[in-house]
Amino acid sequence: MKIRVVSKRKEIETLDEGERVIHLAFRPSNKDIFDLIKRCKNVEVIQIPSSYRKTVSKSIEMFLEMEGIRLVEGDVWGHRKDINEYYSISPSVNERIKELKSEGMSDEEIARKIEREGKLNKDILLYILDKQ
């Protein structure tokens, strides 16, 4: 799975309309969120750093919920935007998920375990689990 990393507001207007998972590396305003959703009609997840998550308005949270879009906390540790605009989640994460599912673990338990093992946030892991 790939996460499109957006580091500046002006990048929103250049996004591919088919983007589904987007990480905003800046503090988004309500207008930024609306512009993003207007541009990317198929967006399913918007990820923002936890320090910015607290500044998102309740009205935007409700709007995203009504649109069926998840707003999750998280970061893309060690990602260099100048090299690649996408942050790729390793296929080994999917393999580990399958392994833990075969052991009979719940999605919540799997997300907590993988979060401790790696650099992925529980919320994005729960999204991956829902998609499988």
N, C-alpha and C. Protein backbone atom coordinates (compact mmCIF):
# COMPACT_ATOMS: atom_id res chain seq x y z
N MET A 1 0.84 -1.17 0.00
CA MET A 1 0.00 0.00 0.00
C MET A 1 0.89 1.24 0.00
N LYS A 2 0.41 2.27 -0.69
CA LYS A 2 1.16 3.52 -0.77
C LYS A 2 0.35 4.65 -0.15
N ILE A 3 1.05 5.52 0.55
CA ILE A 3 0.45 6.70 1.14
C ILE A 3 1.04 7.91 0.42
N ARG A 4 0.17 8.73 -0.15
CA ARG A 4 0.64 9.94 -0.84
C ARG A 4 0.96 10.99 0.21
N VAL A 5 2.19 11.47 0.21
CA VAL A 5 2.64 12.46 1.18
C VAL A 5 2.49 13.86 0.56
N VAL A 6 1.78 14.73 1.27
CA VAL A 6 1.58 16.11 0.83
C VAL A 6 2.22 17.00 1.89
N SER A 7 3.27 17.71 1.50
CA SER A 7 4.00 18.50 2.48
C SER A 7 3.67 19.99 2.44
N LYS A 8 2.97 20.43 1.39
CA LYS A 8 2.62 21.85 1.27
C LYS A 8 1.20 21.99 0.73
N ARG A 9 0.52 23.05 1.15
CA ARG A 9 -0.85 23.30 0.73
C ARG A 9 -0.99 23.32 -0.79
N LYS A 10 -0.04 23.96 -1.44
CA LYS A 10 -0.17 24.13 -2.90
C LYS A 10 -0.08 22.81 -3.66
N GLU A 11 0.40 21.74 -3.01
CA GLU A 11 0.46 20.43 -3.66
C GLU A 11 -0.92 19.80 -3.83
N ILE A 12 -1.89 20.24 -3.04
CA ILE A 12 -3.23 19.65 -3.11
C ILE A 12 -3.80 19.75 -4.53
N GLU A 13 -3.60 20.89 -5.17
CA GLU A 13 -4.16 21.09 -6.51
C GLU A 13 -3.48 20.24 -7.58
N THR A 14 -2.34 19.62 -7.26
CA THR A 14 -1.64 18.79 -8.24
C THR A 14 -1.82 17.29 -7.98
N LEU A 15 -2.59 16.93 -6.95
CA LEU A 15 -2.77 15.52 -6.62
C LEU A 15 -3.52 14.77 -7.70
N ASP A 16 -3.21 13.50 -7.84
CA ASP A 16 -3.96 12.61 -8.72
C ASP A 16 -5.35 12.45 -8.13
N GLU A 17 -6.36 12.57 -8.94
CA GLU A 17 -7.74 12.52 -8.45
C GLU A 17 -8.11 11.17 -7.84
N GLY A 18 -7.35 10.13 -8.14
CA GLY A 18 -7.67 8.79 -7.65
C GLY A 18 -6.99 8.43 -6.33
N GLU A 19 -6.30 9.37 -5.71
CA GLU A 19 -5.62 9.07 -4.45
C GLU A 19 -6.62 8.61 -3.40
N ARG A 20 -6.23 7.58 -2.62
CA ARG A 20 -7.12 7.03 -1.59
C ARG A 20 -6.61 7.27 -0.18
N VAL A 21 -5.29 7.23 0.01
CA VAL A 21 -4.70 7.42 1.33
C VAL A 21 -3.69 8.55 1.23
N ILE A 22 -3.90 9.60 2.04
CA ILE A 22 -3.08 10.80 1.94
C ILE A 22 -2.58 11.19 3.33
N HIS A 23 -1.29 11.50 3.40
CA HIS A 23 -0.69 12.01 4.63
C HIS A 23 -0.42 13.50 4.43
N LEU A 24 -0.99 14.32 5.31
CA LEU A 24 -0.74 15.76 5.26
C LEU A 24 0.35 16.08 6.27
N ALA A 25 1.49 16.53 5.80
CA ALA A 25 2.63 16.81 6.66
C ALA A 25 2.64 18.27 7.14
N PHE A 26 1.54 18.96 6.94
CA PHE A 26 1.41 20.33 7.41
C PHE A 26 0.10 20.43 8.20
N ARG A 27 -0.07 21.52 8.94
CA ARG A 27 -1.28 21.71 9.73
C ARG A 27 -2.41 22.16 8.80
N PRO A 28 -3.37 21.27 8.51
CA PRO A 28 -4.41 21.63 7.53
C PRO A 28 -5.50 22.51 8.12
N SER A 29 -5.95 23.46 7.33
CA SER A 29 -7.11 24.28 7.70
C SER A 29 -8.36 23.57 7.17
N ASN A 30 -9.52 24.07 7.55
CA ASN A 30 -10.77 23.51 7.02
C ASN A 30 -10.78 23.59 5.50
N LYS A 31 -10.32 24.72 4.97
CA LYS A 31 -10.29 24.90 3.51
C LYS A 31 -9.38 23.87 2.85
N ASP A 32 -8.25 23.57 3.47
CA ASP A 32 -7.34 22.57 2.90
C ASP A 32 -8.03 21.21 2.80
N ILE A 33 -8.75 20.84 3.85
CA ILE A 33 -9.46 19.55 3.85
C ILE A 33 -10.53 19.54 2.76
N PHE A 34 -11.32 20.62 2.66
CA PHE A 34 -12.35 20.70 1.62
C PHE A 34 -11.73 20.64 0.23
N ASP A 35 -10.63 21.37 0.02
CA ASP A 35 -9.95 21.34 -1.28
C ASP A 35 -9.46 19.94 -1.60
N LEU A 36 -8.92 19.26 -0.61
CA LEU A 36 -8.42 17.90 -0.80
C LEU A 36 -9.54 16.95 -1.23
N ILE A 37 -10.67 17.04 -0.55
CA ILE A 37 -11.79 16.15 -0.85
C ILE A 37 -12.41 16.49 -2.20
N LYS A 38 -12.42 17.76 -2.52
CA LYS A 38 -12.94 18.19 -3.82
C LYS A 38 -12.03 17.66 -4.95
N ARG A 39 -10.75 17.68 -4.72
CA ARG A 39 -9.77 17.22 -5.73
C ARG A 39 -9.75 15.70 -5.84
N CYS A 40 -9.73 15.01 -4.70
CA CYS A 40 -9.59 13.55 -4.67
C CYS A 40 -10.91 12.93 -4.20
N LYS A 41 -11.77 12.63 -5.14
CA LYS A 41 -13.12 12.15 -4.82
C LYS A 41 -13.13 10.77 -4.15
N ASN A 42 -12.07 9.98 -4.34
CA ASN A 42 -12.04 8.62 -3.81
C ASN A 42 -11.25 8.48 -2.51
N VAL A 43 -10.87 9.60 -1.90
CA VAL A 43 -10.04 9.53 -0.70
C VAL A 43 -10.78 8.77 0.40
N GLU A 44 -10.07 7.86 1.05
CA GLU A 44 -10.64 7.04 2.12
C GLU A 44 -10.03 7.37 3.48
N VAL A 45 -8.75 7.80 3.48
CA VAL A 45 -8.05 8.08 4.72
C VAL A 45 -7.21 9.34 4.56
N ILE A 46 -7.30 10.20 5.57
CA ILE A 46 -6.41 11.35 5.66
C ILE A 46 -5.63 11.16 6.96
N GLN A 47 -4.32 11.09 6.83
CA GLN A 47 -3.46 10.91 8.00
C GLN A 47 -2.72 12.21 8.28
N ILE A 48 -2.70 12.60 9.55
CA ILE A 48 -1.96 13.79 9.95
C ILE A 48 -1.19 13.48 11.23
N PRO A 49 -0.08 14.18 11.45
CA PRO A 49 0.67 13.97 12.69
C PRO A 49 -0.20 14.24 13.92
N SER A 50 0.06 13.53 15.00
CA SER A 50 -0.77 13.65 16.20
C SER A 50 -0.78 15.07 16.76
N SER A 51 0.32 15.80 16.62
CA SER A 51 0.34 17.18 17.13
C SER A 51 -0.62 18.07 16.35
N TYR A 52 -0.90 17.77 15.10
CA TYR A 52 -1.84 18.55 14.30
C TYR A 52 -3.27 18.05 14.48
N ARG A 53 -3.43 16.81 14.85
CA ARG A 53 -4.76 16.20 14.99
C ARG A 53 -5.63 16.96 15.98
N LYS A 54 -5.01 17.45 17.03
CA LYS A 54 -5.74 18.16 18.08
C LYS A 54 -6.30 19.50 17.60
N THR A 55 -5.80 20.02 16.50
CA THR A 55 -6.23 21.33 16.01
C THR A 55 -7.33 21.23 14.94
N VAL A 56 -7.71 20.03 14.57
CA VAL A 56 -8.75 19.85 13.55
C VAL A 56 -10.11 20.15 14.20
N SER A 57 -10.91 20.96 13.53
CA SER A 57 -12.19 21.37 14.09
C SER A 57 -13.19 20.22 14.15
N LYS A 58 -14.12 20.33 15.07
CA LYS A 58 -15.18 19.32 15.22
C LYS A 58 -16.04 19.25 13.97
N SER A 59 -16.26 20.40 13.33
CA SER A 59 -17.09 20.41 12.13
C SER A 59 -16.43 19.61 11.00
N ILE A 60 -15.11 19.71 10.87
CA ILE A 60 -14.40 18.93 9.84
C ILE A 60 -14.46 17.45 10.20
N GLU A 61 -14.28 17.13 11.48
CA GLU A 61 -14.38 15.73 11.91
C GLU A 61 -15.74 15.14 11.54
N MET A 62 -16.81 15.90 11.82
CA MET A 62 -18.16 15.42 11.49
C MET A 62 -18.36 15.31 9.98
N PHE A 63 -17.86 16.29 9.25
CA PHE A 63 -17.96 16.25 7.79
C PHE A 63 -17.27 15.01 7.23
N LEU A 64 -16.05 14.76 7.69
CA LEU A 64 -15.32 13.59 7.20
C LEU A 64 -16.05 12.29 7.55
N GLU A 65 -16.59 12.24 8.75
CA GLU A 65 -17.33 11.05 9.16
C GLU A 65 -18.55 10.83 8.26
N MET A 66 -19.26 11.91 7.95
CA MET A 66 -20.44 11.80 7.06
C MET A 66 -20.03 11.35 5.66
N GLU A 67 -18.84 11.76 5.22
CA GLU A 67 -18.35 11.38 3.90
C GLU A 67 -17.72 9.99 3.88
N GLY A 68 -17.58 9.37 5.07
CA GLY A 68 -16.98 8.04 5.15
C GLY A 68 -15.47 8.06 5.02
N ILE A 69 -14.87 9.18 5.37
CA ILE A 69 -13.41 9.33 5.28
C ILE A 69 -12.83 9.28 6.68
N ARG A 70 -11.83 8.43 6.86
CA ARG A 70 -11.18 8.30 8.16
C ARG A 70 -10.11 9.38 8.32
N LEU A 71 -10.11 10.00 9.49
CA LEU A 71 -9.06 10.94 9.86
C LEU A 71 -8.23 10.24 10.92
N VAL A 72 -6.98 9.93 10.59
CA VAL A 72 -6.14 9.16 11.52
C VAL A 72 -4.86 9.93 11.85
N GLU A 73 -4.35 9.61 13.03
CA GLU A 73 -3.07 10.17 13.46
C GLU A 73 -1.96 9.27 12.98
N GLY A 74 -0.83 9.86 12.67
CA GLY A 74 0.32 9.05 12.29
C GLY A 74 1.36 9.88 11.58
N ASP A 75 2.48 9.24 11.36
CA ASP A 75 3.57 9.91 10.68
C ASP A 75 4.20 8.95 9.69
N VAL A 76 5.03 9.50 8.83
CA VAL A 76 5.75 8.69 7.85
C VAL A 76 7.24 8.83 8.17
N TRP A 77 7.66 8.12 9.20
CA TRP A 77 9.01 8.22 9.73
C TRP A 77 10.07 7.93 8.68
N GLY A 78 11.03 8.83 8.57
CA GLY A 78 12.17 8.61 7.69
C GLY A 78 11.90 8.79 6.21
N HIS A 79 10.70 9.24 5.87
CA HIS A 79 10.36 9.41 4.45
C HIS A 79 10.99 10.68 3.90
N ARG A 80 11.58 10.56 2.70
CA ARG A 80 12.17 11.72 2.04
C ARG A 80 11.33 12.06 0.82
N LYS A 81 10.58 13.14 0.93
CA LYS A 81 9.68 13.57 -0.13
C LYS A 81 10.43 13.94 -1.39
N ASP A 82 11.68 14.40 -1.26
CA ASP A 82 12.46 14.79 -2.43
C ASP A 82 12.85 13.58 -3.28
N ILE A 83 12.79 12.39 -2.69
CA ILE A 83 13.12 11.16 -3.43
C ILE A 83 11.86 10.51 -4.00
N ASN A 84 10.80 10.46 -3.20
CA ASN A 84 9.56 9.82 -3.65
C ASN A 84 8.37 10.48 -2.97
N GLU A 85 7.34 10.79 -3.74
CA GLU A 85 6.17 11.44 -3.15
C GLU A 85 5.25 10.47 -2.43
N TYR A 86 5.54 9.17 -2.52
CA TYR A 86 4.74 8.15 -1.83
C TYR A 86 5.55 7.47 -0.74
N TYR A 87 4.89 7.18 0.36
CA TYR A 87 5.46 6.38 1.43
C TYR A 87 4.85 4.99 1.26
N SER A 88 5.69 3.99 1.07
CA SER A 88 5.20 2.63 0.85
C SER A 88 5.24 1.83 2.13
N ILE A 89 4.13 1.14 2.37
CA ILE A 89 4.07 0.23 3.51
C ILE A 89 4.57 -1.12 3.01
N SER A 90 5.55 -1.65 3.71
CA SER A 90 6.23 -2.88 3.31
C SER A 90 5.26 -4.06 3.17
N PRO A 91 5.46 -4.88 2.14
CA PRO A 91 4.65 -6.10 2.00
C PRO A 91 4.79 -7.03 3.21
N SER A 92 5.89 -6.89 3.94
CA SER A 92 6.07 -7.73 5.13
C SER A 92 5.01 -7.43 6.19
N VAL A 93 4.45 -6.22 6.17
CA VAL A 93 3.37 -5.88 7.11
C VAL A 93 2.15 -6.74 6.80
N ASN A 94 1.82 -6.85 5.51
CA ASN A 94 0.68 -7.70 5.11
C ASN A 94 0.93 -9.16 5.47
N GLU A 95 2.16 -9.60 5.27
CA GLU A 95 2.49 -10.99 5.63
C GLU A 95 2.34 -11.21 7.13
N ARG A 96 2.79 -10.24 7.91
CA ARG A 96 2.68 -10.34 9.38
C ARG A 96 1.21 -10.33 9.81
N ILE A 97 0.40 -9.53 9.16
CA ILE A 97 -1.03 -9.49 9.45
C ILE A 97 -1.66 -10.86 9.19
N LYS A 98 -1.35 -11.44 8.03
CA LYS A 98 -1.89 -12.77 7.70
C LYS A 98 -1.46 -13.81 8.72
N GLU A 99 -0.22 -13.73 9.12
CA GLU A 99 0.33 -14.66 10.11
C GLU A 99 -0.44 -14.55 11.44
N LEU A 100 -0.64 -13.32 11.89
CA LEU A 100 -1.33 -13.11 13.16
C LEU A 100 -2.82 -13.47 13.08
N LYS A 101 -3.42 -13.23 11.91
CA LYS A 101 -4.82 -13.63 11.72
C LYS A 101 -4.97 -15.14 11.78
N SER A 102 -4.00 -15.84 11.21
CA SER A 102 -4.07 -17.30 11.23
C SER A 102 -3.92 -17.85 12.65
N GLU A 103 -3.34 -17.06 13.54
CA GLU A 103 -3.22 -17.44 14.95
C GLU A 103 -4.50 -17.13 15.71
N GLY A 104 -5.48 -16.51 15.04
CA GLY A 104 -6.76 -16.23 15.65
C GLY A 104 -6.86 -14.92 16.39
N MET A 105 -5.93 -14.01 16.17
CA MET A 105 -5.96 -12.71 16.86
C MET A 105 -7.01 -11.81 16.23
N SER A 106 -7.61 -10.94 17.05
CA SER A 106 -8.57 -9.96 16.56
C SER A 106 -7.82 -8.82 15.84
N ASP A 107 -8.56 -8.06 15.05
CA ASP A 107 -7.95 -6.93 14.34
C ASP A 107 -7.31 -5.94 15.31
N GLU A 108 -8.00 -5.67 16.41
CA GLU A 108 -7.50 -4.74 17.42
C GLU A 108 -6.18 -5.24 18.01
N GLU A 109 -6.11 -6.52 18.33
CA GLU A 109 -4.88 -7.11 18.89
C GLU A 109 -3.75 -7.08 17.88
N ILE A 110 -4.08 -7.38 16.63
CA ILE A 110 -3.07 -7.37 15.57
C ILE A 110 -2.50 -5.97 15.40
N ALA A 111 -3.38 -4.97 15.37
CA ALA A 111 -2.94 -3.57 15.19
C ALA A 111 -2.02 -3.15 16.34
N ARG A 112 -2.40 -3.50 17.57
CA ARG A 112 -1.56 -3.14 18.72
C ARG A 112 -0.20 -3.81 18.64
N LYS A 113 -0.18 -5.09 18.26
CA LYS A 113 1.07 -5.84 18.20
C LYS A 113 2.00 -5.30 17.12
N ILE A 114 1.48 -5.06 15.94
CA ILE A 114 2.31 -4.56 14.83
C ILE A 114 2.75 -3.12 15.11
N GLU A 115 1.91 -2.35 15.76
CA GLU A 115 2.30 -0.97 16.12
C GLU A 115 3.53 -1.00 17.02
N ARG A 116 3.56 -1.91 17.97
CA ARG A 116 4.73 -2.03 18.86
C ARG A 116 5.96 -2.53 18.11
N GLU A 117 5.76 -3.39 17.12
CA GLU A 117 6.87 -3.98 16.38
C GLU A 117 7.49 -3.03 15.37
N GLY A 118 6.68 -2.15 14.82
CA GLY A 118 7.17 -1.31 13.72
C GLY A 118 6.89 0.15 13.93
N LYS A 119 6.86 0.87 12.83
CA LYS A 119 6.70 2.31 12.86
C LYS A 119 5.32 2.77 12.41
N LEU A 120 4.41 1.83 12.21
CA LEU A 120 3.09 2.19 11.74
C LEU A 120 2.15 2.48 12.90
N ASN A 121 1.26 3.43 12.70
CA ASN A 121 0.29 3.82 13.69
C ASN A 121 -0.88 2.84 13.70
N LYS A 122 -1.46 2.65 14.86
CA LYS A 122 -2.57 1.71 15.03
C LYS A 122 -3.74 2.04 14.10
N ASP A 123 -4.05 3.32 13.93
CA ASP A 123 -5.18 3.71 13.08
C ASP A 123 -4.99 3.30 11.63
N ILE A 124 -3.80 3.49 11.10
CA ILE A 124 -3.56 3.11 9.71
C ILE A 124 -3.53 1.59 9.58
N LEU A 125 -3.06 0.91 10.61
CA LEU A 125 -3.09 -0.56 10.61
C LEU A 125 -4.52 -1.08 10.61
N LEU A 126 -5.40 -0.44 11.38
CA LEU A 126 -6.81 -0.86 11.38
C LEU A 126 -7.44 -0.64 10.01
N TYR A 127 -7.04 0.43 9.32
CA TYR A 127 -7.52 0.65 7.95
C TYR A 127 -7.06 -0.48 7.03
N ILE A 128 -5.78 -0.85 7.14
CA ILE A 128 -5.25 -1.95 6.32
C ILE A 128 -6.00 -3.24 6.62
N LEU A 129 -6.25 -3.50 7.89
CA LEU A 129 -6.99 -4.71 8.28
C LEU A 129 -8.40 -4.70 7.72
N ASP A 130 -9.05 -3.55 7.71
CA ASP A 130 -10.42 -3.44 7.14
C ASP A 130 -10.41 -3.72 5.64
N LYS A 131 -9.34 -3.33 4.96
CA LYS A 131 -9.27 -3.49 3.50
C LYS A 131 -8.98 -4.95 3.10
N GLN A 132 -8.48 -5.75 4.03
CA GLN A 132 -8.14 -7.14 3.69
C GLN A 132 -9.35 -8.04 3.80
